[in-house]
Amino acid sequence: MPLLYILLLGLLLSHTPHCCSSAPARGTLTEGQVLAIGDKLVSGNGKFALGFFQPATSTSSKSQNTTSSSSSWYLGIWFNKIPVFTAVWVANREEPTPHHNTNSTKLKFSSDGNLVIATNRADAVTESLVWSTHIVNRTQASSIHTATSNAGVLLNSGNLALLTNSKVMLWQSFDYPTDIALAGAKLGWNKVTGFSRKFISKKSLIDMGLGSYSLELDTSGVAVLKRRNNPSVVYWHWASSKTSSLSVLPTLKTIIDLDPRTKGLMNPIYFDNDHEQYYMYTSPEESSSSLFVSLDISGQVKLNVWSQANQSWQTICAEPADACTPAATCGPFTVCNGNAQPSCDCMESFSQRSPQDWEFEDRTGGCIRNTPLHCSTSGNNKNVTSSTDIFHPISQVVLPYNPQSIDVATTQSKCEEACLSSCSCTAYSYNNSR
């Protein structure tokens, strides 16, 4: 064989893809393949994508418009054909991977058949697992795994499923929702195992971590909104009982169909038997990626519909309707005005604790005093405030969920005096001799 042909043949062989390429097929990741940062799985209908992402958001100030992004990477699912990036599910929301691990972070199958996010430690040799599907029935999963191969499939519904080659579902992302409910995702619980499916808000626009609010079913089967942080407070419920919840569904369907933007797009469903109890909604397949229900950072449940004309998401309705109803939605030393945008602001003589957090809609830090209280130790060893400290009256205030009552303060002046006698007292209310 001439030398030229030998050289050409060697060149071609050196560029031929390996038979066991790690590149995943459209919508499916099989054992032996990896999904790296920059890769993505796309559902069969092309409407959803799975991959790694960094949350980014555009913020505006008086001087300039800027785009900020998180330094962390998350594995998630998003709308593939919507130009505004919208993550609908996040796997590792509690443990994102840092930016410096970009080249080593990947989604793959572990030896026991679980889908895992793996990344290399600082020594670049040791591999650590960031997240796993954690198949509950290990014995069953192990027996299935030895006989078959598992695959991760991004379904047309936006649900990531871990399937055997005989289509047995071992795990699905719809069982572990984040802050967004897609059509077909359940809100409820399994009466046999006690397993609960609930939605938890994210911390901020760039932090996918667990936020302050949850949407779940209570023990009576009523959907409730709850502040997760101490104290745990239920501030909104779907109805007063399971029976009244059922009567609300036809009314809700009528309201949805009266709006031309949502007519025919949603069908709310309630299901209850000896095995499970849940709420969900269905949508026509062609509309599955044009609307979603979200639990907002601020604690409101919102129905969002894509506007092709405006190229943006439009909020059709929100519950509670008043943005100030969610417990502690604005943080300490703030005022809330449901008719304003944004609804949160600092009290007089207070400033935002973290303006950057506020830009990303995380207001849990609230506000801080511009001038500290003049606290001192009196002769009887009690912390008291200075006579220069004064109170600022604020109207239409909702009292805290755990206020301390002082019975000896029988007049407003005595109530004020009692509060001034302790630096731990930040405000007081007086009404009807209490």
Protein backbone atom coordinates (compact mmCIF):
# COMPACT_ATOMS: atom_id res chain seq x y z
CA MET A 1 0.00 0.00 0.00
CA PRO A 2 1.46 3.42 -0.92
CA LEU A 3 2.70 5.50 1.97
CA LEU A 4 0.22 8.31 1.16
CA TYR A 5 -2.77 5.94 1.55
CA ILE A 6 -1.41 4.63 4.82
CA LEU A 7 -1.05 8.17 6.19
CA LEU A 8 -4.59 9.12 5.07
CA LEU A 9 -6.04 5.95 6.60
CA GLY A 10 -4.26 6.63 9.88
CA LEU A 11 -5.58 10.21 9.89
CA LEU A 12 -9.17 9.04 9.35
CA LEU A 13 -8.96 6.41 12.07
CA SER A 14 -7.58 8.93 14.54
CA HIS A 15 -10.70 11.11 14.04
CA THR A 16 -13.29 8.33 14.06
CA PRO A 17 -15.65 8.62 17.12
CA HIS A 18 -15.32 5.86 19.69
CA CYS A 19 -18.01 3.17 19.56
CA CYS A 20 -19.08 3.96 23.11
CA SER A 21 -19.34 7.75 22.79
CA SER A 22 -20.41 9.62 25.92
CA ALA A 23 -22.66 11.95 23.93
CA PRO A 24 -26.30 11.34 24.99
CA ALA A 25 -29.05 10.77 22.46
CA ARG A 26 -31.90 13.27 22.21
CA GLY A 27 -33.90 13.13 25.43
CA THR A 28 -32.19 10.02 26.84
CA LEU A 29 -29.09 9.41 28.96
CA THR A 30 -28.00 5.78 29.22
CA GLU A 31 -25.45 4.05 31.42
CA GLY A 32 -21.92 4.81 30.27
CA GLN A 33 -22.90 8.25 28.97
CA VAL A 34 -22.37 11.57 30.74
CA LEU A 35 -24.04 14.95 30.52
CA ALA A 36 -21.45 17.68 31.05
CA ILE A 37 -21.79 21.43 31.46
CA GLY A 38 -22.65 22.74 28.00
CA ASP A 39 -24.59 19.59 27.02
CA LYS A 40 -28.34 19.20 27.23
CA LEU A 41 -31.05 16.59 26.82
CA VAL A 42 -34.11 17.70 24.86
CA SER A 43 -37.54 16.11 25.23
CA GLY A 44 -39.01 14.35 22.22
CA ASN A 45 -41.37 17.24 21.49
CA GLY A 46 -38.51 19.73 21.80
CA LYS A 47 -40.29 21.78 24.46
CA PHE A 48 -38.12 20.98 27.49
CA ALA A 49 -34.38 20.71 28.06
CA LEU A 50 -32.25 19.24 30.85
CA GLY A 51 -28.77 20.53 31.55
CA PHE A 52 -26.54 22.58 33.81
CA PHE A 53 -27.20 26.30 34.17
CA GLN A 54 -26.21 29.37 36.15
CA PRO A 55 -29.16 31.56 37.21
CA ALA A 56 -28.86 35.02 35.68
CA THR A 57 -31.05 38.07 35.94
CA SER A 58 -31.11 41.61 34.61
CA THR A 59 -31.36 44.37 37.18
CA SER A 60 -31.82 48.08 36.69
CA SER A 61 -30.78 51.04 38.78
CA LYS A 62 -30.91 54.77 38.31
CA SER A 63 -27.50 54.75 36.67
CA GLN A 64 -27.36 51.57 34.62
CA ASN A 65 -28.81 48.23 33.64
CA THR A 66 -26.73 45.21 34.59
CA THR A 67 -26.91 41.46 34.21
CA SER A 68 -25.81 39.38 37.19
CA SER A 69 -25.40 35.64 37.45
CA SER A 70 -24.74 33.13 40.17
CA SER A 71 -21.24 31.69 40.49
CA SER A 72 -22.79 28.26 41.07
CA TRP A 73 -24.05 25.61 38.68
CA TYR A 74 -27.35 23.76 38.96
CA LEU A 75 -28.76 20.79 37.08
CA GLY A 76 -32.26 21.63 35.98
CA ILE A 77 -35.05 21.48 33.44
CA TRP A 78 -36.23 24.54 31.52
CA PHE A 79 -38.53 25.55 28.68
CA ASN A 80 -36.47 24.90 25.56
CA LYS A 81 -38.43 27.06 23.11
CA ILE A 82 -39.17 30.06 25.36
CA PRO A 83 -36.63 32.88 24.81
CA VAL A 84 -36.79 33.93 28.48
CA PHE A 85 -34.84 31.31 30.44
CA THR A 86 -37.21 29.73 32.98
CA ALA A 87 -36.09 26.79 35.11
CA VAL A 88 -39.01 24.55 36.06
CA TRP A 89 -37.10 22.00 38.16
CA VAL A 90 -33.73 21.93 39.91
CA ALA A 91 -31.97 18.80 41.13
CA ASN A 92 -29.21 20.10 43.39
CA ARG A 93 -30.86 23.24 44.73
CA GLU A 94 -29.37 22.65 48.19
CA GLU A 95 -25.84 21.89 46.92
CA PRO A 96 -24.88 23.74 43.74
CA THR A 97 -21.46 23.08 42.27
CA PRO A 98 -18.94 25.95 42.39
CA HIS A 99 -17.69 27.69 39.28
CA HIS A 100 -14.15 26.31 39.57
CA ASN A 101 -15.49 22.76 39.12
CA THR A 102 -16.94 23.48 35.68
CA ASN A 103 -14.79 21.01 33.77
CA SER A 104 -15.30 18.11 36.19
CA THR A 105 -19.04 18.38 36.91
CA LYS A 106 -21.29 15.88 35.11
CA LEU A 107 -24.53 13.93 35.29
CA LYS A 108 -24.04 10.19 34.96
CA PHE A 109 -25.10 6.79 36.29
CA SER A 110 -23.49 5.41 39.42
CA SER A 111 -22.58 1.75 39.77
CA ASP A 112 -25.87 1.02 41.59
CA GLY A 113 -28.02 2.45 38.79
CA ASN A 114 -28.78 5.87 40.26
CA LEU A 115 -28.53 9.11 38.35
CA VAL A 116 -25.92 11.25 40.13
CA ILE A 117 -24.18 14.59 39.79
CA ALA A 118 -20.48 13.93 40.26
CA THR A 119 -17.60 16.37 40.50
CA ASN A 120 -13.91 16.14 41.31
CA ARG A 121 -12.56 17.47 44.57
CA ALA A 122 -9.70 19.95 44.79
CA ASP A 123 -7.14 17.17 44.38
CA ALA A 124 -8.68 16.44 40.92
CA VAL A 125 -8.51 12.73 41.74
CA THR A 126 -11.22 12.06 44.30
CA GLU A 127 -14.78 12.18 42.97
CA SER A 128 -17.64 13.35 45.15
CA LEU A 129 -21.38 13.01 44.63
CA VAL A 130 -23.32 16.27 44.79
CA TRP A 131 -26.79 14.81 44.18
CA SER A 132 -28.41 11.42 43.59
CA THR A 133 -31.84 10.03 42.71
CA HIS A 134 -31.51 7.82 45.81
CA ILE A 135 -33.79 5.02 44.66
CA VAL A 136 -35.67 4.14 47.84
CA ASN A 137 -36.12 0.39 47.37
CA ARG A 138 -32.46 -0.52 47.05
CA THR A 139 -33.09 -4.27 47.00
CA GLN A 140 -35.62 -4.03 44.20
CA ALA A 141 -33.52 -1.47 42.32
CA SER A 142 -30.44 -3.68 42.64
CA SER A 143 -32.23 -6.76 41.30
CA ILE A 144 -33.66 -4.77 38.42
CA HIS A 145 -30.31 -3.17 37.72
CA THR A 146 -28.47 -6.46 37.44
CA ALA A 147 -30.86 -7.71 34.79
CA THR A 148 -31.41 -4.52 32.81
CA SER A 149 -29.86 -1.16 32.06
CA ASN A 150 -31.33 2.07 33.36
CA ALA A 151 -31.89 5.25 31.37
CA GLY A 152 -32.72 8.82 32.26
CA VAL A 153 -35.47 10.07 29.95
CA LEU A 154 -36.78 13.62 29.69
CA LEU A 155 -40.45 13.10 28.91
CA ASN A 156 -42.60 15.43 26.79
CA SER A 157 -44.29 16.65 29.99
CA GLY A 158 -41.01 18.05 31.35
CA ASN A 159 -40.75 15.16 33.81
CA LEU A 160 -37.32 13.52 34.17
CA ALA A 161 -37.82 9.78 34.65
CA LEU A 162 -35.39 7.03 35.61
CA LEU A 163 -36.55 3.98 33.65
CA THR A 164 -35.44 0.42 33.11
CA ASN A 165 -35.33 -0.84 29.53
CA SER A 166 -38.68 -2.52 30.25
CA LYS A 167 -40.11 0.94 31.06
CA VAL A 168 -40.41 0.37 34.81
CA MET A 169 -40.24 3.81 36.44
CA LEU A 170 -37.83 3.83 39.38
CA TRP A 171 -37.82 7.57 40.03
CA GLN A 172 -39.27 10.80 38.58
CA SER A 173 -38.63 14.50 39.10
CA PHE A 174 -42.38 15.17 39.42
CA ASP A 175 -42.14 13.46 42.83
CA TYR A 176 -39.57 16.03 43.97
CA PRO A 177 -40.87 19.40 42.72
CA THR A 178 -39.15 22.69 43.38
CA ASP A 179 -41.11 25.95 43.06
CA ILE A 180 -42.99 25.31 39.79
CA ALA A 181 -45.87 22.96 38.98
CA LEU A 182 -46.16 21.76 35.40
CA ALA A 183 -49.22 20.04 33.98
CA GLY A 184 -49.39 16.52 35.40
CA ALA A 185 -47.34 17.25 38.54
CA LYS A 186 -49.12 16.36 41.78
CA LEU A 187 -49.50 18.35 44.99
CA GLY A 188 -50.35 15.83 47.68
CA TRP A 189 -49.27 12.73 49.52
CA ASN A 190 -49.21 8.94 49.45
CA LYS A 191 -51.43 7.61 52.25
CA VAL A 192 -49.64 4.25 52.34
CA THR A 193 -46.02 5.43 52.55
CA GLY A 194 -46.59 8.96 53.88
CA PHE A 195 -44.51 10.38 51.02
CA SER A 196 -45.45 14.03 50.43
CA ARG A 197 -45.11 16.14 47.30
CA LYS A 198 -44.90 19.82 48.14
CA PHE A 199 -43.55 22.94 46.48
CA ILE A 200 -40.95 25.17 48.13
CA SER A 201 -40.06 28.65 46.96
CA LYS A 202 -36.50 29.54 45.98
CA LYS A 203 -34.35 31.96 47.98
CA SER A 204 -33.80 34.55 45.26
CA LEU A 205 -33.59 35.04 41.51
CA ILE A 206 -30.01 33.72 41.52
CA ASP A 207 -30.17 31.32 44.48
CA MET A 208 -32.24 28.19 43.81
CA GLY A 209 -31.94 27.06 47.45
CA LEU A 210 -34.90 26.37 49.73
CA GLY A 211 -36.80 29.59 50.36
CA SER A 212 -39.19 30.72 53.06
CA TYR A 213 -42.52 29.34 51.80
CA SER A 214 -44.14 26.01 50.98
CA LEU A 215 -47.36 24.89 49.28
CA GLU A 216 -48.62 21.56 50.62
CA LEU A 217 -51.64 19.57 51.78
CA ASP A 218 -52.47 19.67 55.48
CA THR A 219 -53.76 16.68 57.43
CA SER A 220 -57.36 17.44 56.42
CA GLY A 221 -56.51 17.44 52.71
CA VAL A 222 -56.68 21.20 52.21
CA ALA A 223 -53.97 22.96 50.20
CA VAL A 224 -52.21 25.51 52.41
CA LEU A 225 -49.45 28.07 52.07
CA LYS A 226 -47.02 28.04 54.95
CA ARG A 227 -44.02 30.02 56.07
CA ARG A 228 -41.35 27.37 56.67
CA ASN A 229 -39.07 29.34 58.96
CA ASN A 230 -39.70 29.60 62.67
CA PRO A 231 -42.34 30.19 63.61
CA SER A 232 -44.07 27.97 61.05
CA VAL A 233 -47.23 29.84 60.10
CA VAL A 234 -50.12 28.94 57.78
CA TYR A 235 -51.16 32.22 56.16
CA TRP A 236 -53.46 31.00 53.36
CA HIS A 237 -55.61 27.96 52.63
CA TRP A 238 -57.46 26.81 49.54
CA ALA A 239 -60.72 26.26 51.43
CA SER A 240 -61.94 25.58 54.94
CA SER A 241 -62.29 21.83 54.38
CA LYS A 242 -61.79 19.07 51.82
CA THR A 243 -65.50 19.22 50.95
CA SER A 244 -65.39 22.93 50.23
CA SER A 245 -62.20 22.40 48.21
CA LEU A 246 -64.16 20.16 45.85
CA SER A 247 -66.84 22.81 45.41
CA VAL A 248 -64.20 25.41 44.52
CA LEU A 249 -62.82 23.44 41.55
CA PRO A 250 -65.77 24.10 39.16
CA THR A 251 -65.66 27.78 40.09
CA LEU A 252 -61.93 27.90 39.41
CA LYS A 253 -62.42 26.20 36.04
CA THR A 254 -65.08 28.78 35.13
CA ILE A 255 -62.79 31.67 36.09
CA ILE A 256 -59.94 30.21 34.02
CA ASP A 257 -62.16 29.78 30.96
CA LEU A 258 -63.54 33.32 31.25
CA ASP A 259 -60.07 34.76 30.60
CA PRO A 260 -59.20 34.50 26.88
CA ARG A 261 -55.52 34.10 27.79
CA THR A 262 -56.19 30.90 29.74
CA LYS A 263 -59.40 29.55 28.20
CA GLY A 264 -59.01 25.84 27.53
CA LEU A 265 -55.43 25.77 28.80
CA MET A 266 -56.02 24.34 32.30
CA ASN A 267 -58.20 21.68 33.83
CA PRO A 268 -57.82 21.53 37.65
CA ILE A 269 -58.24 18.08 39.20
CA TYR A 270 -58.67 16.75 42.74
CA PHE A 271 -58.17 13.03 43.47
CA ASP A 272 -58.64 11.10 46.70
CA ASN A 273 -58.73 7.36 47.40
CA ASP A 274 -57.26 4.91 49.92
CA HIS A 275 -53.84 5.13 48.28
CA GLU A 276 -53.21 8.81 47.62
CA GLN A 277 -54.65 12.30 47.69
CA TYR A 278 -53.57 15.15 45.45
CA TYR A 279 -54.36 18.21 43.38
CA MET A 280 -53.02 18.68 39.86
CA TYR A 281 -53.94 20.22 36.54
CA THR A 282 -53.82 19.02 32.97
CA SER A 283 -53.25 20.98 29.77
CA PRO A 284 -53.50 20.23 26.06
CA GLU A 285 -50.12 18.92 24.85
CA GLU A 286 -49.63 21.92 22.59
CA SER A 287 -50.03 24.26 25.59
CA SER A 288 -47.83 22.37 28.07
CA SER A 289 -44.92 24.78 27.69
CA SER A 290 -46.90 28.02 27.56
CA LEU A 291 -48.08 28.18 31.17
CA PHE A 292 -47.10 27.11 34.67
CA VAL A 293 -48.05 27.58 38.31
CA SER A 294 -45.30 28.91 40.57
CA LEU A 295 -44.72 29.51 44.26
CA ASP A 296 -43.06 32.91 44.17
CA ILE A 297 -40.12 34.04 46.31
CA SER A 298 -42.54 36.39 48.08
CA GLY A 299 -44.94 33.59 49.09
CA GLN A 300 -47.68 33.97 46.47
CA VAL A 301 -48.93 31.19 44.17
CA LYS A 302 -49.10 32.57 40.63
CA LEU A 303 -50.55 31.37 37.33
CA ASN A 304 -48.20 32.47 34.55
CA VAL A 305 -48.93 32.40 30.81
CA TRP A 306 -46.48 33.09 27.97
CA SER A 307 -47.37 36.14 25.87
CA GLN A 308 -46.07 35.73 22.36
CA ALA A 309 -46.85 39.37 21.59
CA ASN A 310 -44.90 40.72 24.57
CA GLN A 311 -42.29 37.95 24.59
CA SER A 312 -42.65 37.64 28.35
CA TRP A 313 -44.48 35.75 31.08
CA GLN A 314 -47.74 37.35 32.19
CA THR A 315 -49.13 36.71 35.68
CA ILE A 316 -52.84 36.01 35.27
CA CYS A 317 -53.73 35.68 38.94
CA ALA A 318 -52.09 35.29 42.33
CA GLU A 319 -53.10 33.84 45.69
CA PRO A 320 -53.20 35.39 48.19
CA ALA A 321 -54.32 38.33 46.06
CA ASP A 322 -52.71 40.82 48.46
CA ALA A 323 -48.91 40.63 48.17
CA CYS A 324 -48.65 41.62 51.84
CA THR A 325 -50.55 38.58 53.15
CA PRO A 326 -47.61 36.09 53.15
CA ALA A 327 -46.02 35.99 56.58
CA ALA A 328 -42.92 38.20 56.93
CA THR A 329 -42.67 38.65 53.16
CA CYS A 330 -40.64 41.86 53.50
CA GLY A 331 -38.39 41.03 56.44
CA PRO A 332 -37.69 42.95 59.68
CA PHE A 333 -38.30 46.72 59.97
CA THR A 334 -40.16 47.02 56.70
CA VAL A 335 -43.54 48.21 55.46
CA CYS A 336 -45.58 46.44 52.83
CA ASN A 337 -47.94 48.08 50.35
CA GLY A 338 -49.77 45.63 48.13
CA ASN A 339 -50.60 48.39 45.65
CA ALA A 340 -46.96 49.40 45.16
CA GLN A 341 -44.30 47.81 42.97
CA PRO A 342 -42.21 46.57 44.60
CA SER A 343 -44.49 46.10 47.58
CA CYS A 344 -41.73 46.19 50.22
CA ASP A 345 -39.90 49.22 51.56
CA CYS A 346 -37.95 50.15 54.67
CA MET A 347 -39.48 51.97 57.60
CA GLU A 348 -38.58 55.59 58.14
CA SER A 349 -34.97 55.94 59.39
CA PHE A 350 -34.11 52.41 58.22
CA SER A 351 -32.14 51.17 55.19
CA GLN A 352 -31.93 47.87 53.34
CA ARG A 353 -29.62 45.42 55.07
CA SER A 354 -28.44 44.07 51.70
CA PRO A 355 -29.43 46.13 48.64
CA GLN A 356 -28.05 43.38 46.38
CA ASP A 357 -30.33 40.78 47.98
CA TRP A 358 -33.29 43.11 47.46
CA GLU A 359 -32.37 43.44 43.78
CA PHE A 360 -32.69 39.66 43.49
CA GLU A 361 -36.01 39.70 45.41
CA ASP A 362 -34.61 38.20 48.61
CA ARG A 363 -35.90 40.54 51.31
CA THR A 364 -35.66 38.18 54.26
CA GLY A 365 -32.84 40.27 55.71
CA GLY A 366 -35.16 43.26 55.85
CA CYS A 367 -33.82 46.61 56.95
CA ILE A 368 -31.51 47.97 59.63
CA ARG A 369 -31.46 51.17 61.66
CA ASN A 370 -29.61 54.14 60.24
CA THR A 371 -28.86 55.22 63.81
CA PRO A 372 -28.34 52.56 66.52
CA LEU A 373 -30.34 52.71 69.74
CA HIS A 374 -28.50 54.26 72.67
CA CYS A 375 -28.64 51.24 74.93
CA SER A 376 -26.92 51.36 78.32
CA THR A 377 -26.85 49.54 81.64
CA SER A 378 -28.85 51.16 84.42
CA GLY A 379 -28.23 50.92 88.14
CA ASN A 380 -30.35 47.80 88.47
CA ASN A 381 -28.34 46.09 85.68
CA LYS A 382 -31.09 46.28 83.09
CA ASN A 383 -30.47 47.30 79.51
CA VAL A 384 -32.45 50.45 78.83
CA THR A 385 -32.66 52.85 75.94
CA SER A 386 -31.72 56.50 76.09
CA SER A 387 -34.27 59.26 76.54
CA THR A 388 -33.22 60.46 73.07
CA ASP A 389 -34.75 57.33 71.51
CA ILE A 390 -38.28 57.88 70.31
CA PHE A 391 -41.07 55.81 68.77
CA HIS A 392 -42.42 56.36 65.28
CA PRO A 393 -46.15 55.65 64.88
CA ILE A 394 -47.11 53.33 62.01
CA SER A 395 -50.70 52.66 60.98
CA GLN A 396 -52.34 49.49 59.65
CA VAL A 397 -49.82 47.14 61.23
CA VAL A 398 -50.29 43.38 61.57
CA LEU A 399 -49.01 42.23 64.94
CA PRO A 400 -46.30 39.55 65.15
CA TYR A 401 -47.36 35.92 65.47
CA ASN A 402 -45.70 35.65 68.87
CA PRO A 403 -46.08 39.04 70.63
CA GLN A 404 -45.26 39.39 74.32
CA SER A 405 -48.11 40.76 76.40
CA ILE A 406 -47.30 43.03 79.38
CA ASP A 407 -50.21 43.08 81.82
CA VAL A 408 -48.85 45.87 84.04
CA ALA A 409 -48.81 48.32 81.12
CA THR A 410 -52.38 49.56 81.65
CA THR A 411 -51.90 52.84 79.79
CA GLN A 412 -50.16 53.77 76.56
CA SER A 413 -47.48 55.72 78.41
CA LYS A 414 -46.77 52.72 80.66
CA CYS A 415 -46.61 50.50 77.59
CA GLU A 416 -44.07 52.86 76.02
CA GLU A 417 -42.11 52.98 79.27
CA ALA A 418 -42.03 49.18 79.46
CA CYS A 419 -40.64 48.94 75.94
CA LEU A 420 -38.01 51.62 76.60
CA SER A 421 -36.86 49.69 79.64
CA SER A 422 -35.49 46.89 77.47
CA CYS A 423 -33.23 47.15 74.44
CA SER A 424 -34.68 43.88 73.15
CA CYS A 425 -38.05 45.60 72.65
CA THR A 426 -38.24 47.12 69.18
CA ALA A 427 -41.89 48.23 69.02
CA TYR A 428 -45.12 48.22 70.97
CA SER A 429 -48.85 48.34 70.30
CA TYR A 430 -51.54 49.46 72.71
CA ASN A 431 -55.28 48.91 72.49
CA ASN A 432 -58.10 48.62 75.01
CA SER A 433 -55.95 48.75 78.13
CA ARG A 434 -53.44 46.20 76.81
